[in-house]
């Protein structure tokens, strides 16, 4: 029930914080008209497996939240404001999952 270390911790080798640069040694700023590299889109927007995993996870989580809120209603209890709010949140989460799955260009992602 525990782990054994093969070597003790070496406190001496902890990196120190970098020293602040003096004003004279700072790099000059780029000129306003200088060429800059084009901004590349994030890789996760084009990752189909990432979208399937996150979208299906959101759909599953939303369905679970909705199902848990609906369960007392099936037993005959009247729905209160908390139950209705929980159902709305569950539907909203599931809808975001559908949007992530069906969004081909990543338009809805910030």
PDB file of N, CA and C in Angstrom:
ATOM      1  N   UNK A   1       0.833  -1.176   0.000  1.00  0.00           N
ATOM      2  CA  UNK A   1       0.000   0.000   0.000  1.00  0.00           C
ATOM      3  C   UNK A   1       0.874   1.235   0.000  1.00  0.00           C
ATOM      4  N   UNK A   2       1.573   1.490  -0.915  1.00  0.00           N
ATOM      5  CA  UNK A   2       2.464   2.624  -0.994  1.00  0.00           C
ATOM      6  C   UNK A   2       3.499   2.342  -2.065  1.00  0.00           C
ATOM      7  N   UNK A   3       4.312   3.311  -2.295  1.00  0.00           N
ATOM      8  CA  UNK A   3       5.343   3.129  -3.294  1.00  0.00           C
ATOM      9  C   UNK A   3       6.699   3.323  -2.662  1.00  0.00           C
ATOM     10  N   UNK A   4       7.683   2.720  -3.236  1.00  0.00           N
ATOM     11  CA  UNK A   4       9.042   2.915  -2.766  1.00  0.00           C
ATOM     12  C   UNK A   4       9.811   3.664  -3.831  1.00  0.00           C
ATOM     13  N   UNK A   5      10.643   4.555  -3.393  1.00  0.00           N
ATOM     14  CA  UNK A   5      11.434   5.338  -4.312  1.00  0.00           C
ATOM     15  C   UNK A   5      12.797   4.679  -4.475  1.00  0.00           C
ATOM     16  N   UNK A   6      13.241   4.589  -5.693  1.00  0.00           N
ATOM     17  CA  UNK A   6      14.550   3.997  -5.920  1.00  0.00           C
ATOM     18  C   UNK A   6      15.666   4.997  -5.644  1.00  0.00           C
ATOM     19  N   UNK A   7      15.369   6.283  -5.776  1.00  0.00           N
ATOM     20  CA  UNK A   7      16.355   7.319  -5.500  1.00  0.00           C
ATOM     21  C   UNK A   7      15.689   8.418  -4.674  1.00  0.00           C
ATOM     22  N   UNK A   8      16.411   9.023  -3.761  1.00  0.00           N
ATOM     23  CA  UNK A   8      15.811  10.115  -2.979  1.00  0.00           C
ATOM     24  C   UNK A   8      15.611  11.351  -3.857  1.00  0.00           C
ATOM     25  N   UNK A   9      14.747  12.223  -3.387  1.00  0.00           N
ATOM     26  CA  UNK A   9      14.510  13.456  -4.128  1.00  0.00           C
ATOM     27  C   UNK A   9      15.771  14.307  -4.166  1.00  0.00           C
ATOM     28  N   UNK A  10      16.012  14.940  -5.274  1.00  0.00           N
ATOM     29  CA  UNK A  10      17.180  15.802  -5.425  1.00  0.00           C
ATOM     30  C   UNK A  10      16.707  17.248  -5.441  1.00  0.00           C
ATOM     31  N   UNK A  11      16.780  17.879  -4.305  1.00  0.00           N
ATOM     32  CA  UNK A  11      16.296  19.246  -4.170  1.00  0.00           C
ATOM     33  C   UNK A  11      17.246  20.227  -4.842  1.00  0.00           C
ATOM     34  N   UNK A  12      18.522  19.871  -4.954  1.00  0.00           N
ATOM     35  CA  UNK A  12      19.508  20.772  -5.525  1.00  0.00           C
ATOM     36  C   UNK A  12      19.263  21.060  -6.994  1.00  0.00           C
ATOM     37  N   UNK A  13      18.573  20.170  -7.699  1.00  0.00           N
ATOM     38  CA  UNK A  13      18.426  20.309  -9.148  1.00  0.00           C
ATOM     39  C   UNK A  13      17.137  20.999  -9.563  1.00  0.00           C
ATOM     40  N   UNK A  14      16.445  21.633  -8.634  1.00  0.00           N
ATOM     41  CA  UNK A  14      15.226  22.353  -8.982  1.00  0.00           C
ATOM     42  C   UNK A  14      15.615  23.625  -9.713  1.00  0.00           C
ATOM     43  N   UNK A  15      14.970  23.862 -10.835  1.00  0.00           N
ATOM     44  CA  UNK A  15      15.302  25.036 -11.652  1.00  0.00           C
ATOM     45  C   UNK A  15      14.850  26.307 -10.952  1.00  0.00           C
ATOM     46  N   UNK A  16      15.693  27.304 -10.991  1.00  0.00           N
ATOM     47  CA  UNK A  16      15.338  28.582 -10.398  1.00  0.00           C
ATOM     48  C   UNK A  16      14.540  29.404 -11.406  1.00  0.00           C
ATOM     49  N   UNK A  17      13.842  30.401 -10.901  1.00  0.00           N
ATOM     50  CA  UNK A  17      13.028  31.257 -11.758  1.00  0.00           C
ATOM     51  C   UNK A  17      13.947  32.061 -12.677  1.00  0.00           C
ATOM     52  N   UNK A  18      13.541  32.255 -13.930  1.00  0.00           N
ATOM     53  CA  UNK A  18      14.377  33.030 -14.842  1.00  0.00           C
ATOM     54  C   UNK A  18      14.468  34.481 -14.387  1.00  0.00           C
ATOM     55  N   UNK A  19      15.621  35.067 -14.632  1.00  0.00           N
ATOM     56  CA  UNK A  19      15.854  36.457 -14.241  1.00  0.00           C
ATOM     57  C   UNK A  19      15.133  37.380 -15.216  1.00  0.00           C
ATOM     58  N   UNK A  20      14.619  38.472 -14.697  1.00  0.00           N
ATOM     59  CA  UNK A  20      13.937  39.453 -15.538  1.00  0.00           C
ATOM     60  C   UNK A  20      14.968  40.140 -16.436  1.00  0.00           C
ATOM     61  N   UNK A  21      14.579  40.357 -17.662  1.00  0.00           N
ATOM     62  CA  UNK A  21      15.488  40.994 -18.615  1.00  0.00           C
ATOM     63  C   UNK A  21      15.566  42.488 -18.328  1.00  0.00           C
ATOM     64  N   UNK A  22      16.740  43.015 -18.438  1.00  0.00           N
ATOM     65  CA  UNK A  22      16.897  44.449 -18.242  1.00  0.00           C
ATOM     66  C   UNK A  22      16.340  45.181 -19.463  1.00  0.00           C
ATOM     67  N   UNK A  23      15.945  46.436 -19.319  1.00  0.00           N
ATOM     68  CA  UNK A  23      15.369  47.164 -20.452  1.00  0.00           C
ATOM     69  C   UNK A  23      16.325  47.252 -21.641  1.00  0.00           C
ATOM     70  N   UNK A  24      17.619  47.260 -21.408  1.00  0.00           N
ATOM     71  CA  UNK A  24      18.568  47.390 -22.509  1.00  0.00           C
ATOM     72  C   UNK A  24      18.689  46.099 -23.318  1.00  0.00           C
ATOM     73  N   UNK A  25      18.383  44.937 -22.701  1.00  0.00           N
ATOM     74  CA  UNK A  25      18.575  43.676 -23.408  1.00  0.00           C
ATOM     75  C   UNK A  25      17.297  43.116 -24.010  1.00  0.00           C
ATOM     76  N   UNK A  26      16.225  43.849 -23.970  1.00  0.00           N
ATOM     77  CA  UNK A  26      14.966  43.361 -24.548  1.00  0.00           C
ATOM     78  C   UNK A  26      15.035  43.378 -26.066  1.00  0.00           C
ATOM     79  N   UNK A  27      14.327  42.435 -26.685  1.00  0.00           N
ATOM     80  CA  UNK A  27      14.285  42.371 -28.142  1.00  0.00           C
ATOM     81  C   UNK A  27      13.410  43.500 -28.670  1.00  0.00           C
ATOM     82  N   UNK A  28      13.763  44.082 -29.807  1.00  0.00           N
ATOM     83  CA  UNK A  28      12.942  45.159 -30.371  1.00  0.00           C
ATOM     84  C   UNK A  28      11.607  44.608 -30.871  1.00  0.00           C
ATOM     85  N   UNK A  29      10.585  45.457 -30.814  1.00  0.00           N
ATOM     86  CA  UNK A  29       9.268  45.061 -31.296  1.00  0.00           C
ATOM     87  C   UNK A  29       9.252  45.045 -32.819  1.00  0.00           C
ATOM     88  N   UNK A  30       8.378  44.217 -33.377  1.00  0.00           N
ATOM     89  CA  UNK A  30       8.254  44.161 -34.830  1.00  0.00           C
ATOM     90  C   UNK A  30       7.657  45.457 -35.349  1.00  0.00           C
ATOM     91  N   UNK A  31       8.050  45.797 -36.538  1.00  0.00           N
ATOM     92  CA  UNK A  31       7.501  46.989 -37.178  1.00  0.00           C
ATOM     93  C   UNK A  31       6.030  46.733 -37.503  1.00  0.00           C
ATOM     94  N   UNK A  32       5.198  47.777 -37.497  1.00  0.00           N
ATOM     95  CA  UNK A  32       3.768  47.581 -37.752  1.00  0.00           C
ATOM     96  C   UNK A  32       3.481  46.964 -39.111  1.00  0.00           C
ATOM     97  N   UNK A  33       4.282  47.204 -40.111  1.00  0.00           N
ATOM     98  CA  UNK A  33       4.019  46.675 -41.447  1.00  0.00           C
ATOM     99  C   UNK A  33       4.763  45.384 -41.733  1.00  0.00           C
ATOM    100  N   UNK A  34       5.391  44.790 -40.730  1.00  0.00           N
ATOM    101  CA  UNK A  34       6.197  43.590 -40.957  1.00  0.00           C
ATOM    102  C   UNK A  34       5.307  42.388 -41.246  1.00  0.00           C
ATOM    103  N   UNK A  35       5.838  41.484 -42.047  1.00  0.00           N
ATOM    104  CA  UNK A  35       5.120  40.260 -42.380  1.00  0.00           C
ATOM    105  C   UNK A  35       5.059  39.348 -41.159  1.00  0.00           C
ATOM    106  N   UNK A  36       3.908  38.821 -40.887  1.00  0.00           N
ATOM    107  CA  UNK A  36       3.757  37.852 -39.806  1.00  0.00           C
ATOM    108  C   UNK A  36       3.223  36.566 -40.400  1.00  0.00           C
ATOM    109  N   UNK A  37       3.483  35.472 -39.727  1.00  0.00           N
ATOM    110  CA  UNK A  37       2.983  34.193 -40.237  1.00  0.00           C
ATOM    111  C   UNK A  37       1.466  34.152 -40.064  1.00  0.00           C
ATOM    112  N   UNK A  38       0.752  33.553 -41.016  1.00  0.00           N
ATOM    113  CA  UNK A  38      -0.702  33.495 -40.894  1.00  0.00           C
ATOM    114  C   UNK A  38      -1.095  32.628 -39.699  1.00  0.00           C
ATOM    115  N   UNK A  39      -2.157  33.040 -39.039  1.00  0.00           N
ATOM    116  CA  UNK A  39      -2.618  32.292 -37.874  1.00  0.00           C
ATOM    117  C   UNK A  39      -3.212  30.971 -38.337  1.00  0.00           C
ATOM    118  N   UNK A  40      -2.751  29.882 -37.758  1.00  0.00           N
ATOM    119  CA  UNK A  40      -3.237  28.567 -38.138  1.00  0.00           C
ATOM    120  C   UNK A  40      -4.428  28.198 -37.256  1.00  0.00           C
ATOM    121  N   UNK A  41      -5.434  27.536 -37.832  1.00  0.00           N
ATOM    122  CA  UNK A  41      -6.592  27.146 -37.036  1.00  0.00           C
ATOM    123  C   UNK A  41      -6.200  26.048 -36.052  1.00  0.00           C
ATOM    124  N   UNK A  42      -6.875  25.989 -34.915  1.00  0.00           N
ATOM    125  CA  UNK A  42      -6.575  24.935 -33.952  1.00  0.00           C
ATOM    126  C   UNK A  42      -6.802  23.551 -34.559  1.00  0.00           C
ATOM    127  N   UNK A  43      -5.971  22.606 -34.181  1.00  0.00           N
ATOM    128  CA  UNK A  43      -6.045  21.261 -34.748  1.00  0.00           C
ATOM    129  C   UNK A  43      -7.292  20.515 -34.288  1.00  0.00           C
ATOM    130  N   UNK A  44      -7.836  20.850 -33.124  1.00  0.00           N
ATOM    131  CA  UNK A  44      -8.980  20.105 -32.609  1.00  0.00           C
ATOM    132  C   UNK A  44     -10.261  20.366 -33.402  1.00  0.00           C
ATOM    133  N   UNK A  45     -10.320  21.457 -34.132  1.00  0.00           N
ATOM    134  CA  UNK A  45     -11.520  21.714 -34.928  1.00  0.00           C
ATOM    135  C   UNK A  45     -11.623  20.752 -36.104  1.00  0.00           C
ATOM    136  N   UNK A  46     -10.511  20.232 -36.555  1.00  0.00           N
ATOM    137  CA  UNK A  46     -10.521  19.329 -37.695  1.00  0.00           C
ATOM    138  C   UNK A  46     -10.402  17.877 -37.275  1.00  0.00           C
ATOM    139  N   UNK A  47     -10.358  17.585 -36.005  1.00  0.00           N
ATOM    140  CA  UNK A  47     -10.151  16.231 -35.503  1.00  0.00           C
ATOM    141  C   UNK A  47     -11.510  15.541 -35.365  1.00  0.00           C
ATOM    142  N   UNK A  48     -11.819  14.646 -36.310  1.00  0.00           N
ATOM    143  CA  UNK A  48     -13.123  13.988 -36.328  1.00  0.00           C
ATOM    144  C   UNK A  48     -13.319  13.119 -35.095  1.00  0.00           C
ATOM    145  N   UNK A  49     -12.305  12.356 -34.705  1.00  0.00           N
ATOM    146  CA  UNK A  49     -12.464  11.471 -33.550  1.00  0.00           C
ATOM    147  C   UNK A  49     -12.657  12.271 -32.262  1.00  0.00           C
ATOM    148  N   UNK A  50     -12.009  13.440 -32.162  1.00  0.00           N
ATOM    149  CA  UNK A  50     -12.201  14.295 -30.981  1.00  0.00           C
ATOM    150  C   UNK A  50     -13.636  14.801 -30.921  1.00  0.00           C
ATOM    151  N   UNK A  51     -14.169  15.176 -32.068  1.00  0.00           N
ATOM    152  CA  UNK A  51     -15.547  15.673 -32.102  1.00  0.00           C
ATOM    153  C   UNK A  51     -16.537  14.572 -31.795  1.00  0.00           C
ATOM    154  N   UNK A  52     -16.289  13.356 -32.297  1.00  0.00           N
ATOM    155  CA  UNK A  52     -17.195  12.245 -32.010  1.00  0.00           C
ATOM    156  C   UNK A  52     -17.173  11.915 -30.528  1.00  0.00           C
ATOM    157  N   UNK A  53     -15.989  11.879 -29.944  1.00  0.00           N
ATOM    158  CA  UNK A  53     -15.873  11.553 -28.531  1.00  0.00           C
ATOM    159  C   UNK A  53     -16.536  12.608 -27.660  1.00  0.00           C
ATOM    160  N   UNK A  54     -16.234  13.876 -27.900  1.00  0.00           N
ATOM    161  CA  UNK A  54     -16.807  14.924 -27.057  1.00  0.00           C
ATOM    162  C   UNK A  54     -18.303  15.094 -27.323  1.00  0.00           C
ATOM    163  N   UNK A  55     -18.721  14.997 -28.579  1.00  0.00           N
ATOM    164  CA  UNK A  55     -20.139  15.144 -28.894  1.00  0.00           C
ATOM    165  C   UNK A  55     -20.984  14.032 -28.304  1.00  0.00           C
ATOM    166  N   UNK A  56     -20.508  12.792 -28.436  1.00  0.00           N
ATOM    167  CA  UNK A  56     -21.282  11.680 -27.876  1.00  0.00           C
ATOM    168  C   UNK A  56     -21.253  11.715 -26.349  1.00  0.00           C
ATOM    169  N   UNK A  57     -20.159  12.193 -25.769  1.00  0.00           N
ATOM    170  CA  UNK A  57     -20.122  12.345 -24.315  1.00  0.00           C
ATOM    171  C   UNK A  57     -21.121  13.375 -23.829  1.00  0.00           C
ATOM    172  N   UNK A  58     -21.229  14.491 -24.553  1.00  0.00           N
ATOM    173  CA  UNK A  58     -22.206  15.514 -24.174  1.00  0.00           C
ATOM    174  C   UNK A  58     -23.636  15.020 -24.359  1.00  0.00           C
ATOM    175  N   UNK A  59     -23.883  14.282 -25.429  1.00  0.00           N
ATOM    176  CA  UNK A  59     -25.230  13.736 -25.642  1.00  0.00           C
ATOM    177  C   UNK A  59     -25.572  12.765 -24.518  1.00  0.00           C
ATOM    178  N   UNK A  60     -24.630  11.897 -24.170  1.00  0.00           N
ATOM    179  CA  UNK A  60     -24.874  10.946 -23.084  1.00  0.00           C
ATOM    180  C   UNK A  60     -25.094  11.631 -21.748  1.00  0.00           C
ATOM    181  N   UNK A  61     -24.283  12.650 -21.456  1.00  0.00           N
ATOM    182  CA  UNK A  61     -24.439  13.374 -20.198  1.00  0.00           C
ATOM    183  C   UNK A  61     -25.774  14.108 -20.157  1.00  0.00           C
ATOM    184  N   UNK A  62     -26.155  14.724 -21.269  1.00  0.00           N
ATOM    185  CA  UNK A  62     -27.436  15.431 -21.314  1.00  0.00           C
ATOM    186  C   UNK A  62     -28.617  14.493 -21.151  1.00  0.00           C
ATOM    187  N   UNK A  63     -28.546  13.330 -21.793  1.00  0.00           N
ATOM    188  CA  UNK A  63     -29.631  12.349 -21.654  1.00  0.00           C
ATOM    189  C   UNK A  63     -29.713  11.828 -20.225  1.00  0.00           C
ATOM    190  N   UNK A  64     -28.563  11.632 -19.598  1.00  0.00           N
ATOM    191  CA  UNK A  64     -28.560  11.164 -18.208  1.00  0.00           C
ATOM    192  C   UNK A  64     -29.173  12.207 -17.271  1.00  0.00           C
ATOM    193  N   UNK A  65     -28.800  13.468 -17.445  1.00  0.00           N
ATOM    194  CA  UNK A  65     -29.352  14.535 -16.591  1.00  0.00           C
ATOM    195  C   UNK A  65     -30.860  14.632 -16.794  1.00  0.00           C
ATOM    196  N   UNK A  66     -31.307  14.534 -18.036  1.00  0.00           N
ATOM    197  CA  UNK A  66     -32.742  14.593 -18.326  1.00  0.00           C
ATOM    198  C   UNK A  66     -33.453  13.392 -17.715  1.00  0.00           C
ATOM    199  N   UNK A  67     -32.852  12.196 -17.841  1.00  0.00           N
ATOM    200  CA  UNK A  67     -33.473  10.981 -17.337  1.00  0.00           C
ATOM    201  C   UNK A  67     -33.601  11.003 -15.821  1.00  0.00           C
ATOM    202  N   UNK A  68     -32.563  11.502 -15.131  1.00  0.00           N
ATOM    203  CA  UNK A  68     -32.607  11.579 -13.667  1.00  0.00           C
ATOM    204  C   UNK A  68     -33.686  12.564 -13.226  1.00  0.00           C
ATOM    205  N   UNK A  69     -33.876  13.653 -13.958  1.00  0.00           N
ATOM    206  CA  UNK A  69     -34.912  14.626 -13.602  1.00  0.00           C
ATOM    207  C   UNK A  69     -36.301  14.073 -13.888  1.00  0.00           C
ATOM    208  N   UNK A  70     -36.422  13.242 -14.878  1.00  0.00           N
ATOM    209  CA  UNK A  70     -37.727  12.703 -15.274  1.00  0.00           C
ATOM    210  C   UNK A  70     -38.170  11.536 -14.397  1.00  0.00           C
ATOM    211  N   UNK A  71     -37.230  10.881 -13.753  1.00  0.00           N
ATOM    212  CA  UNK A  71     -37.536   9.682 -12.979  1.00  0.00           C
ATOM    213  C   UNK A  71     -38.592   9.911 -11.888  1.00  0.00           C
ATOM    214  N   UNK A  72     -38.499  10.967 -11.045  1.00  0.00           N
ATOM    215  CA  UNK A  72     -39.553  11.175 -10.037  1.00  0.00           C
ATOM    216  C   UNK A  72     -40.921  11.471 -10.647  1.00  0.00           C
ATOM    217  N   UNK A  73     -40.947  12.078 -11.826  1.00  0.00           N
ATOM    218  CA  UNK A  73     -42.226  12.370 -12.473  1.00  0.00           C
ATOM    219  C   UNK A  73     -42.929  11.078 -12.869  1.00  0.00           C
ATOM    220  N   UNK A  74     -42.165  10.058 -13.247  1.00  0.00           N
ATOM    221  CA  UNK A  74     -42.780   8.777 -13.604  1.00  0.00           C
ATOM    222  C   UNK A  74     -43.378   8.085 -12.379  1.00  0.00           C
ATOM    223  N   UNK A  75     -42.864   8.436 -11.193  1.00  0.00           N
ATOM    224  CA  UNK A  75     -43.395   7.859  -9.967  1.00  0.00           C
ATOM    225  C   UNK A  75     -44.610   8.625  -9.450  1.00  0.00           C
ATOM    226  N   UNK A  76     -44.975   9.709 -10.125  1.00  0.00           N
ATOM    227  CA  UNK A  76     -46.181  10.439  -9.772  1.00  0.00           C
ATOM    228  C   UNK A  76     -45.952  11.731  -9.023  1.00  0.00           C
ATOM    229  N   UNK A  77     -44.715  12.113  -8.786  1.00  0.00           N
ATOM    230  CA  UNK A  77     -44.437  13.370  -8.108  1.00  0.00           C
ATOM    231  C   UNK A  77     -44.600  14.534  -9.078  1.00  0.00           C
ATOM    232  N   UNK A  78     -45.199  15.640  -8.623  1.00  0.00           N
ATOM    233  CA  UNK A  78     -45.334  16.795  -9.520  1.00  0.00           C
ATOM    234  C   UNK A  78     -43.975  17.461  -9.743  1.00  0.00           C
ATOM    235  N   UNK A  79     -43.746  17.944 -10.949  1.00  0.00           N
ATOM    236  CA  UNK A  79     -42.455  18.589 -11.221  1.00  0.00           C
ATOM    237  C   UNK A  79     -42.385  19.967 -10.567  1.00  0.00           C
ATOM    238  N   UNK A  80     -41.263  20.264  -9.969  1.00  0.00           N
ATOM    239  CA  UNK A  80     -41.034  21.575  -9.372  1.00  0.00           C
ATOM    240  C   UNK A  80     -40.114  22.387 -10.272  1.00  0.00           C
ATOM    241  N   UNK A  81     -39.793  23.599  -9.868  1.00  0.00           N
ATOM    242  CA  UNK A  81     -38.916  24.433 -10.691  1.00  0.00           C
ATOM    243  C   UNK A  81     -37.523  23.830 -10.853  1.00  0.00           C
ATOM    244  N   UNK A  82     -37.012  23.152  -9.826  1.00  0.00           N
ATOM    245  CA  UNK A  82     -35.698  22.524  -9.929  1.00  0.00           C
ATOM    246  C   UNK A  82     -35.691  21.389 -10.932  1.00  0.00           C
ATOM    247  N   UNK A  83     -36.758  20.614 -10.950  1.00  0.00           N
ATOM    248  CA  UNK A  83     -36.861  19.501 -11.899  1.00  0.00           C
ATOM    249  C   UNK A  83     -36.933  20.013 -13.327  1.00  0.00           C
ATOM    250  N   UNK A  84     -37.720  21.048 -13.536  1.00  0.00           N
ATOM    251  CA  UNK A  84     -37.842  21.626 -14.877  1.00  0.00           C
ATOM    252  C   UNK A  84     -36.499  22.216 -15.322  1.00  0.00           C
ATOM    253  N   UNK A  85     -35.817  22.898 -14.415  1.00  0.00           N
ATOM    254  CA  UNK A  85     -34.499  23.462 -14.740  1.00  0.00           C
ATOM    255  C   UNK A  85     -33.515  22.361 -15.097  1.00  0.00           C
ATOM    256  N   UNK A  86     -33.546  21.269 -14.333  1.00  0.00           N
ATOM    257  CA  UNK A  86     -32.646  20.150 -14.604  1.00  0.00           C
ATOM    258  C   UNK A  86     -32.944  19.533 -15.974  1.00  0.00           C
ATOM    259  N   UNK A  87     -34.209  19.434 -16.332  1.00  0.00           N
ATOM    260  CA  UNK A  87     -34.564  18.884 -17.643  1.00  0.00           C
ATOM    261  C   UNK A  87     -34.095  19.805 -18.768  1.00  0.00           C
ATOM    262  N   UNK A  88     -34.246  21.108 -18.575  1.00  0.00           N
ATOM    263  CA  UNK A  88     -33.808  22.066 -19.595  1.00  0.00           C
ATOM    264  C   UNK A  88     -32.293  22.004 -19.766  1.00  0.00           C
ATOM    265  N   UNK A  89     -31.567  21.912 -18.656  1.00  0.00           N
ATOM    266  CA  UNK A  89     -30.114  21.810 -18.747  1.00  0.00           C
ATOM    267  C   UNK A  89     -29.706  20.518 -19.448  1.00  0.00           C
ATOM    268  N   UNK A  90     -30.384  19.418 -19.140  1.00  0.00           N
ATOM    269  CA  UNK A  90     -30.082  18.155 -19.814  1.00  0.00           C
ATOM    270  C   UNK A  90     -30.311  18.233 -21.312  1.00  0.00           C
ATOM    271  N   UNK A  91     -31.406  18.848 -21.715  1.00  0.00           N
ATOM    272  CA  UNK A  91     -31.683  19.005 -23.151  1.00  0.00           C
ATOM    273  C   UNK A  91     -30.642  19.911 -23.795  1.00  0.00           C
ATOM    274  N   UNK A  92     -30.239  20.979 -23.099  1.00  0.00           N
ATOM    275  CA  UNK A  92     -29.241  21.905 -23.639  1.00  0.00           C
ATOM    276  C   UNK A  92     -27.895  21.217 -23.837  1.00  0.00           C
ATOM    277  N   UNK A  93     -27.489  20.411 -22.871  1.00  0.00           N
ATOM    278  CA  UNK A  93     -26.217  19.697 -22.990  1.00  0.00           C
ATOM    279  C   UNK A  93     -26.263  18.736 -24.171  1.00  0.00           C
ATOM    280  N   UNK A  94     -27.365  18.022 -24.326  1.00  0.00           N
ATOM    281  CA  UNK A  94     -27.489  17.091 -25.443  1.00  0.00           C
ATOM    282  C   UNK A  94     -27.486  17.833 -26.782  1.00  0.00           C
ATOM    283  N   UNK A  95     -28.107  18.996 -26.838  1.00  0.00           N
ATOM    284  CA  UNK A  95     -28.113  19.785 -28.080  1.00  0.00           C
ATOM    285  C   UNK A  95     -26.708  20.254 -28.441  1.00  0.00           C
ATOM    286  N   UNK A  96     -25.903  20.656 -27.452  1.00  0.00           N
ATOM    287  CA  UNK A  96     -24.521  21.035 -27.743  1.00  0.00           C
ATOM    288  C   UNK A  96     -23.739  19.847 -28.279  1.00  0.00           C
ATOM    289  N   UNK A  97     -24.037  18.658 -27.777  1.00  0.00           N
ATOM    290  CA  UNK A  97     -23.387  17.466 -28.313  1.00  0.00           C
ATOM    291  C   UNK A  97     -23.726  17.247 -29.768  1.00  0.00           C
ATOM    292  N   UNK A  98     -24.982  17.480 -30.131  1.00  0.00           N
ATOM    293  CA  UNK A  98     -25.389  17.342 -31.540  1.00  0.00           C
ATOM    294  C   UNK A  98     -24.704  18.400 -32.395  1.00  0.00           C
ATOM    295  N   UNK A  99     -24.583  19.614 -31.889  1.00  0.00           N
ATOM    296  CA  UNK A  99     -23.928  20.683 -32.645  1.00  0.00           C
ATOM    297  C   UNK A  99     -22.462  20.344 -32.885  1.00  0.00           C
ATOM    298  N   UNK A 100     -21.789  19.830 -31.862  1.00  0.00           N
ATOM    299  CA  UNK A 100     -20.376  19.482 -32.028  1.00  0.00           C
ATOM    300  C   UNK A 100     -20.216  18.358 -33.029  1.00  0.00           C
ATOM    301  N   UNK A 101     -21.121  17.379 -33.002  1.00  0.00           N
ATOM    302  CA  UNK A 101     -21.028  16.270 -33.952  1.00  0.00           C
ATOM    303  C   UNK A 101     -21.326  16.700 -35.383  1.00  0.00           C
ATOM    304  N   UNK A 102     -22.239  17.639 -35.566  1.00  0.00           N
ATOM    305  CA  UNK A 102     -22.679  17.978 -36.911  1.00  0.00           C
ATOM    306  C   UNK A 102     -22.005  19.219 -37.475  1.00  0.00           C
ATOM    307  N   UNK A 103     -21.101  19.827 -36.744  1.00  0.00           N
ATOM    308  CA  UNK A 103     -20.451  21.064 -37.177  1.00  0.00           C
ATOM    309  C   UNK A 103     -19.206  20.725 -38.007  1.00  0.00           C
ATOM    310  N   UNK A 104     -19.293  20.791 -39.340  1.00  0.00           N
ATOM    311  CA  UNK A 104     -18.174  20.332 -40.159  1.00  0.00           C
ATOM    312  C   UNK A 104     -16.969  21.254 -40.160  1.00  0.00           C
ATOM    313  N   UNK A 105     -17.139  22.537 -40.008  1.00  0.00           N
ATOM    314  CA  UNK A 105     -16.031  23.480 -40.114  1.00  0.00           C
ATOM    315  C   UNK A 105     -15.620  24.085 -38.786  1.00  0.00           C
ATOM    316  N   UNK A 106     -16.259  23.721 -37.686  1.00  0.00           N
ATOM    317  CA  UNK A 106     -15.914  24.293 -36.396  1.00  0.00           C
ATOM    318  C   UNK A 106     -16.427  25.705 -36.224  1.00  0.00           C
ATOM    319  N   UNK A 107     -17.559  26.046 -36.845  1.00  0.00           N
ATOM    320  CA  UNK A 107     -18.073  27.413 -36.798  1.00  0.00           C
ATOM    321  C   UNK A 107     -18.591  27.796 -35.406  1.00  0.00           C
ATOM    322  N   UNK A 108     -19.096  26.819 -34.646  1.00  0.00           N
ATOM    323  CA  UNK A 108     -19.697  27.142 -33.370  1.00  0.00           C
ATOM    324  C   UNK A 108     -18.699  27.093 -32.231  1.00  0.00           C
ATOM    325  N   UNK A 109     -17.454  26.770 -32.509  1.00  0.00           N
ATOM    326  CA  UNK A 109     -16.434  26.710 -31.454  1.00  0.00           C
ATOM    327  C   UNK A 109     -15.718  28.044 -31.401  1.00  0.00           C
ATOM    328  N   UNK A 110     -15.519  28.566 -30.189  1.00  0.00           N
ATOM    329  CA  UNK A 110     -14.834  29.870 -30.086  1.00  0.00           C
ATOM    330  C   UNK A 110     -13.376  29.773 -30.455  1.00  0.00           C
TER     331      UNK A 110
END
